[in-house]
Protein backbone atom coordinates (compact mmCIF):
# COMPACT_ATOMS: atom_id res chain seq x y z
CA MET A 1 -0.38 -14.60 -107.02
CA GLU A 2 1.02 -11.67 -109.02
CA GLN A 3 3.56 -12.06 -111.83
CA ILE A 4 6.74 -10.35 -113.05
CA ILE A 5 7.48 -10.82 -116.75
CA VAL A 6 10.83 -10.59 -118.53
CA GLU A 7 10.69 -11.08 -122.30
CA GLY A 8 13.28 -10.97 -125.04
CA LEU A 9 16.38 -10.80 -122.84
CA GLU A 10 19.38 -11.34 -125.14
CA VAL A 11 22.43 -12.99 -123.62
CA PHE A 12 25.60 -14.48 -125.07
CA GLY A 13 26.78 -17.97 -124.29
CA TYR A 14 28.73 -21.02 -125.43
CA HIS A 15 26.08 -23.69 -125.04
CA GLY A 16 25.77 -26.27 -127.80
CA VAL A 17 26.76 -29.70 -129.03
CA TYR A 18 28.94 -28.64 -131.95
CA GLU A 19 32.52 -27.39 -131.69
CA GLN A 20 31.70 -24.17 -133.53
CA GLU A 21 29.05 -23.35 -130.91
CA LYS A 22 31.50 -24.07 -128.11
CA GLU A 23 34.24 -21.92 -129.64
CA GLU A 24 32.36 -18.97 -131.16
CA GLY A 25 29.26 -18.81 -128.99
CA GLN A 26 25.95 -17.27 -129.97
CA ILE A 27 23.01 -15.18 -128.85
CA PHE A 28 20.26 -16.77 -126.74
CA VAL A 29 16.93 -15.17 -125.94
CA VAL A 30 15.45 -15.67 -122.47
CA ASN A 31 11.87 -15.17 -121.32
CA CYS A 32 10.70 -15.73 -117.78
CA TRP A 33 7.47 -15.45 -115.87
CA ILE A 34 7.90 -15.05 -112.11
CA ASP A 35 5.03 -15.70 -109.68
CA THR A 36 5.50 -13.70 -106.50
CA SER A 37 3.54 -11.61 -104.03
CA PHE A 38 3.33 -7.85 -104.58
CA ALA A 39 1.79 -7.24 -101.14
CA GLY A 40 4.98 -5.99 -99.46
CA ALA A 41 5.96 -3.81 -102.42
CA ILE A 42 2.47 -2.30 -102.73
CA HIS A 43 2.38 -1.29 -99.07
CA SER A 44 5.98 -0.06 -98.85
CA ASP A 45 6.79 1.06 -102.43
CA ASP A 46 10.24 -0.35 -101.65
CA LEU A 47 12.28 -2.39 -104.13
CA SER A 48 13.63 -4.59 -101.33
CA ASN A 49 10.11 -5.97 -100.82
CA THR A 50 9.77 -7.48 -104.26
CA VAL A 51 11.79 -9.53 -106.73
CA ASP A 52 14.18 -7.14 -108.46
CA TYR A 53 13.81 -8.07 -112.14
CA GLY A 54 16.93 -6.06 -112.97
CA ASN A 55 18.98 -8.31 -110.71
CA VAL A 56 17.27 -11.36 -112.20
CA CYS A 57 18.39 -10.24 -115.67
CA LEU A 58 21.96 -9.68 -114.48
CA PHE A 59 21.92 -13.09 -112.78
CA ILE A 60 20.86 -14.75 -116.06
CA LYS A 61 23.54 -12.89 -118.03
CA LYS A 62 26.20 -13.93 -115.51
CA TYR A 63 25.07 -17.57 -115.64
CA PHE A 64 25.42 -17.65 -119.43
CA ALA A 65 28.85 -16.02 -119.25
CA GLU A 66 30.21 -18.47 -116.67
CA ASN A 67 28.72 -21.80 -117.75
CA ALA A 68 28.76 -23.96 -120.87
CA HIS A 69 26.66 -27.07 -121.52
CA ASP A 70 25.86 -29.16 -124.57
CA LEU A 71 22.09 -29.22 -124.15
CA LEU A 72 19.57 -26.42 -123.63
CA GLU A 73 17.61 -28.80 -121.41
CA LYS A 74 20.52 -28.83 -118.96
CA VAL A 75 20.95 -25.06 -119.18
CA ALA A 76 17.28 -24.33 -118.54
CA ASP A 77 16.95 -26.70 -115.60
CA GLU A 78 20.15 -25.55 -113.90
CA LEU A 79 19.46 -21.85 -114.48
CA ALA A 80 15.85 -22.09 -113.28
CA THR A 81 16.92 -23.91 -110.12
CA SER A 82 19.66 -21.33 -109.49
CA ILE A 83 17.15 -18.49 -109.79
CA MET A 84 14.85 -20.20 -107.28
CA TYR A 85 17.76 -20.51 -104.84
CA ALA A 86 18.98 -16.93 -105.34
CA PHE A 87 15.65 -15.08 -105.16
CA PRO A 88 13.55 -16.25 -102.18
CA GLY A 89 10.56 -14.17 -103.26
CA VAL A 90 10.07 -16.29 -106.38
CA GLN A 91 7.29 -18.76 -105.65
CA LYS A 92 7.05 -20.15 -109.18
CA LEU A 93 9.14 -19.66 -112.30
CA VAL A 94 8.54 -20.48 -115.94
CA LEU A 95 11.79 -20.09 -117.89
CA GLU A 96 12.05 -20.22 -121.67
CA ILE A 97 15.35 -20.19 -123.55
CA LYS A 98 15.34 -19.70 -127.32
CA LYS A 99 18.21 -20.35 -129.67
CA PRO A 100 17.50 -18.24 -132.78
CA HIS A 101 20.82 -19.08 -134.46
CA ALA A 102 20.81 -22.81 -133.83
CA PRO A 103 22.80 -24.76 -136.48
CA ILE A 104 19.78 -26.10 -138.37
CA PRO A 105 20.26 -26.28 -142.16
CA MET A 106 16.86 -24.81 -143.07
CA GLU A 107 14.74 -21.79 -142.33
CA PHE A 108 13.02 -21.73 -138.95
CA ALA A 109 11.41 -19.12 -136.74
CA ASN A 110 12.91 -20.29 -133.48
CA VAL A 111 13.80 -23.28 -131.34
CA GLY A 112 14.00 -23.48 -127.60
CA VAL A 113 13.06 -25.15 -124.34
CA LYS A 114 10.79 -24.23 -121.44
CA VAL A 115 10.94 -25.42 -117.82
CA GLU A 116 8.85 -24.74 -114.75
CA LYS A 117 9.98 -24.66 -111.13
CA ALA A 118 7.94 -23.97 -108.00
CA TRP A 119 8.12 -24.22 -104.25
CA HIS A 120 5.59 -26.92 -103.33
CA GLN A 121 3.92 -27.11 -99.93
CA VAL A 122 4.29 -30.56 -98.36
CA ALA A 123 3.23 -32.15 -95.09
CA ILE A 124 5.28 -35.05 -93.74
CA ALA A 125 4.63 -37.49 -90.89
CA ILE A 126 7.68 -38.50 -88.86
CA GLY A 127 8.07 -41.32 -86.37
CA SER A 128 10.49 -43.64 -84.57
CA ASN A 129 10.21 -46.45 -82.01
CA MET A 130 13.74 -47.84 -81.84
CA GLY A 131 16.92 -46.65 -80.17
CA ASP A 132 17.32 -42.93 -79.50
CA LYS A 133 13.98 -41.97 -81.01
CA GLU A 134 14.27 -38.24 -80.53
CA LYS A 135 17.73 -38.16 -82.09
CA TYR A 136 16.52 -40.07 -85.16
CA LEU A 137 13.70 -37.56 -85.66
CA THR A 138 15.86 -34.51 -85.00
CA ASP A 139 18.65 -35.73 -87.29
CA ALA A 140 16.10 -36.33 -90.06
CA MET A 141 14.79 -32.78 -89.72
CA GLU A 142 18.35 -31.44 -89.88
CA GLU A 143 18.82 -33.34 -93.15
CA LEU A 144 15.74 -31.61 -94.56
CA ILE A 145 16.80 -28.18 -93.34
CA SER A 146 20.29 -28.51 -94.83
CA ASP A 147 19.11 -29.43 -98.34
CA PRO A 148 18.93 -26.47 -100.78
CA ASN A 149 15.80 -27.92 -102.40
CA VAL A 150 13.91 -27.57 -99.11
CA ARG A 151 13.01 -24.42 -97.19
CA ASN A 152 10.68 -23.13 -94.46
CA VAL A 153 10.79 -26.34 -92.43
CA ILE A 154 8.34 -26.23 -89.51
CA VAL A 155 8.39 -29.15 -87.06
CA SER A 156 5.74 -30.02 -84.49
CA ASP A 157 6.36 -31.11 -80.94
CA TYR A 158 7.00 -34.83 -80.61
CA ILE A 159 4.34 -36.97 -78.92
CA GLU A 160 4.59 -40.50 -77.53
CA THR A 161 1.95 -42.83 -78.96
CA GLU A 162 0.93 -46.45 -78.85
CA PRO A 163 1.91 -48.62 -81.86
CA TYR A 164 -0.58 -48.78 -84.71
CA GLY A 165 -1.47 -51.94 -86.63
CA TYR A 166 1.28 -54.26 -85.38
CA VAL A 167 1.02 -53.69 -81.62
CA ASP A 168 3.71 -56.05 -80.28
CA GLN A 169 6.43 -53.38 -80.27
CA ASP A 170 7.67 -50.35 -78.34
CA LYS A 171 5.81 -47.05 -78.19
CA PHE A 172 6.44 -44.49 -80.94
CA LEU A 173 7.66 -40.94 -80.86
CA ASN A 174 5.66 -39.17 -83.57
CA GLY A 175 5.52 -35.73 -85.09
CA ALA A 176 4.84 -33.83 -88.27
CA ALA A 177 6.62 -31.30 -90.43
CA THR A 178 5.64 -28.91 -93.18
CA ILE A 179 8.15 -27.88 -95.81
CA GLU A 180 8.42 -26.11 -99.12
CA THR A 181 10.39 -28.01 -101.74
CA LEU A 182 11.47 -27.79 -105.36
CA LEU A 183 11.51 -31.58 -105.58
CA SER A 184 8.87 -33.52 -107.46
CA PRO A 185 6.82 -36.00 -105.39
CA GLU A 186 8.92 -38.89 -106.71
CA ASP A 187 12.23 -37.14 -106.05
CA LEU A 188 11.07 -36.11 -102.58
CA LEU A 189 10.09 -39.70 -101.79
CA ALA A 190 13.54 -40.90 -102.90
CA PHE A 191 15.18 -38.21 -100.75
CA LEU A 192 13.16 -39.24 -97.68
CA HIS A 193 14.08 -42.88 -98.28
CA ARG A 194 17.77 -41.92 -98.34
CA ILE A 195 17.35 -40.17 -94.98
CA GLU A 196 15.66 -43.31 -93.61
CA GLU A 197 18.50 -45.47 -94.92
CA LYS A 198 21.03 -43.28 -93.10
CA ALA A 199 19.11 -44.15 -89.94
CA ASP A 200 19.42 -47.86 -90.81
CA ARG A 201 15.69 -48.20 -91.48
CA LYS A 202 14.64 -51.82 -92.18
CA ARG A 203 11.35 -52.77 -93.86
CA GLU A 204 10.87 -56.28 -92.48
CA ILE A 205 7.42 -56.21 -90.80
CA HIS A 206 4.46 -54.20 -92.13
CA TRP A 207 3.77 -51.45 -89.55
CA GLY A 208 6.63 -52.99 -87.57
CA PRO A 209 9.44 -51.40 -85.54
CA ARG A 210 11.56 -48.81 -87.32
CA THR A 211 14.34 -46.41 -86.44
CA LEU A 212 12.79 -43.78 -88.67
CA ASP A 213 9.61 -43.40 -90.67
CA LEU A 214 9.04 -40.46 -93.04
CA ASP A 215 5.74 -40.37 -94.95
CA ILE A 216 4.47 -37.78 -97.41
CA LEU A 217 0.98 -36.83 -96.25
CA LEU A 218 0.09 -33.97 -98.59
CA TYR A 219 1.81 -32.43 -101.61
CA ASP A 220 0.09 -29.18 -102.62
CA ASP A 221 -3.40 -30.29 -103.59
CA ALA A 222 -2.10 -33.21 -105.67
CA CYS A 223 -3.75 -36.62 -105.80
CA ILE A 224 -1.14 -39.25 -106.68
CA HIS A 225 -1.62 -42.99 -106.99
CA THR A 226 1.39 -44.92 -108.24
CA LYS A 227 3.06 -48.19 -107.30
CA ASP A 228 5.40 -46.39 -104.92
CA LEU A 229 3.45 -43.38 -103.72
CA ILE A 230 -0.11 -42.54 -102.68
CA VAL A 231 -0.92 -38.92 -101.82
CA PRO A 232 -2.85 -37.88 -99.80
CA HIS A 233 -1.60 -40.58 -97.44
CA ILE A 234 -4.25 -43.28 -97.57
CA ASP A 235 -4.76 -43.65 -93.81
CA MET A 236 -3.87 -40.21 -92.44
CA CYS A 237 -7.48 -39.33 -91.54
CA ASN A 238 -7.66 -42.34 -89.19
CA ARG A 239 -4.41 -41.67 -87.35
CA MET A 240 -4.50 -39.33 -84.36
CA PHE A 241 -0.70 -39.57 -84.12
CA VAL A 242 -0.61 -37.93 -87.55
CA LEU A 243 -3.40 -35.38 -87.17
CA GLU A 244 -2.50 -34.17 -83.68
CA PRO A 245 1.03 -32.93 -84.49
CA LEU A 246 -0.06 -31.67 -87.91
CA MET A 247 -2.90 -29.78 -86.23
CA GLN A 248 -0.30 -27.97 -84.13
CA ILE A 249 1.62 -26.53 -87.10
CA ALA A 250 -0.81 -26.48 -90.05
CA PRO A 251 -4.48 -26.63 -89.02
CA GLY A 252 -5.57 -24.84 -92.18
CA LEU A 253 -4.12 -27.31 -94.68
CA VAL A 254 -6.87 -28.85 -96.79
CA HIS A 255 -7.16 -32.55 -97.64
CA PRO A 256 -7.72 -32.48 -101.43
CA VAL A 257 -10.05 -35.50 -101.44
CA ARG A 258 -12.02 -34.97 -98.23
CA ARG A 259 -12.12 -31.20 -98.82
CA ARG A 260 -11.66 -30.73 -95.09
CA THR A 261 -8.99 -28.86 -93.16
CA ILE A 262 -6.64 -30.65 -90.79
CA TYR A 263 -8.52 -28.84 -88.02
CA ASP A 264 -11.79 -30.42 -89.17
CA LEU A 265 -10.27 -33.88 -89.61
CA TYR A 266 -8.66 -33.76 -86.18
CA TYR A 267 -11.90 -32.95 -84.37
CA MET A 268 -13.90 -35.41 -86.49
CA LEU A 269 -11.51 -38.22 -85.50
CA LYS A 270 -11.45 -37.06 -81.87
CA GLU A 271 -15.25 -37.16 -81.75
CA LYS A 272 -15.26 -40.62 -83.34
CA GLU A 273 -12.71 -41.97 -80.83
CA ASN A 274 -14.67 -40.50 -77.89
CA ALA A 275 -18.02 -41.89 -79.06
């Protein structure tokens, strides 16, 4: 991934805790490192095929002119997120904001904050076996598509499958989706749970009936093991109803523990089931 660098951009703003800062304002210095692909620009030599760093600078200047917050932490997070929304070619952004004239009663070289934002590649399993199954799945995907922190949503075909684990229940409609998201794994999990709650999801029987089930399968190449979240999904390699739809839309995704593609895992499980 190539990188565009902006360093030492001076902008004026009214961010600060103290009344003098709010009333008189001060100079801030912004640095940013933008990960993007140069492929289109190299082949076309056309500004429209890259991230226009001039427009990025103007965007930052405008943000500082139109907004005022007490804390630099708030400024940096909000500005970085806004840049990610406004410039689709930015895959990853490191944003640093320095405050050279901060009201500190001693000599100092500089103070500031730094944040990082990126579009993360995520695979999600989706399923339902109650009520209007297809509508539950489709509505959930619409929720994902409509959220500004999610983009490039690709959804598999839905397949009807037998229940897994707890078998005394109706058949499932299953699928998979891949997305890019700015959300952290924990924030994404909370977002998916809110979508499930809108569908009146109840967690009463382990592997039991549910109106909607949304599981994070893969999050970049991260390995996560917390009380609330395990990624890669602990049982995904044993579930044909997960691998089959994921195979349709993302056969090249790599399981970070098994070091195998979804294509490989699908055919390994298929061979095992046919043995």
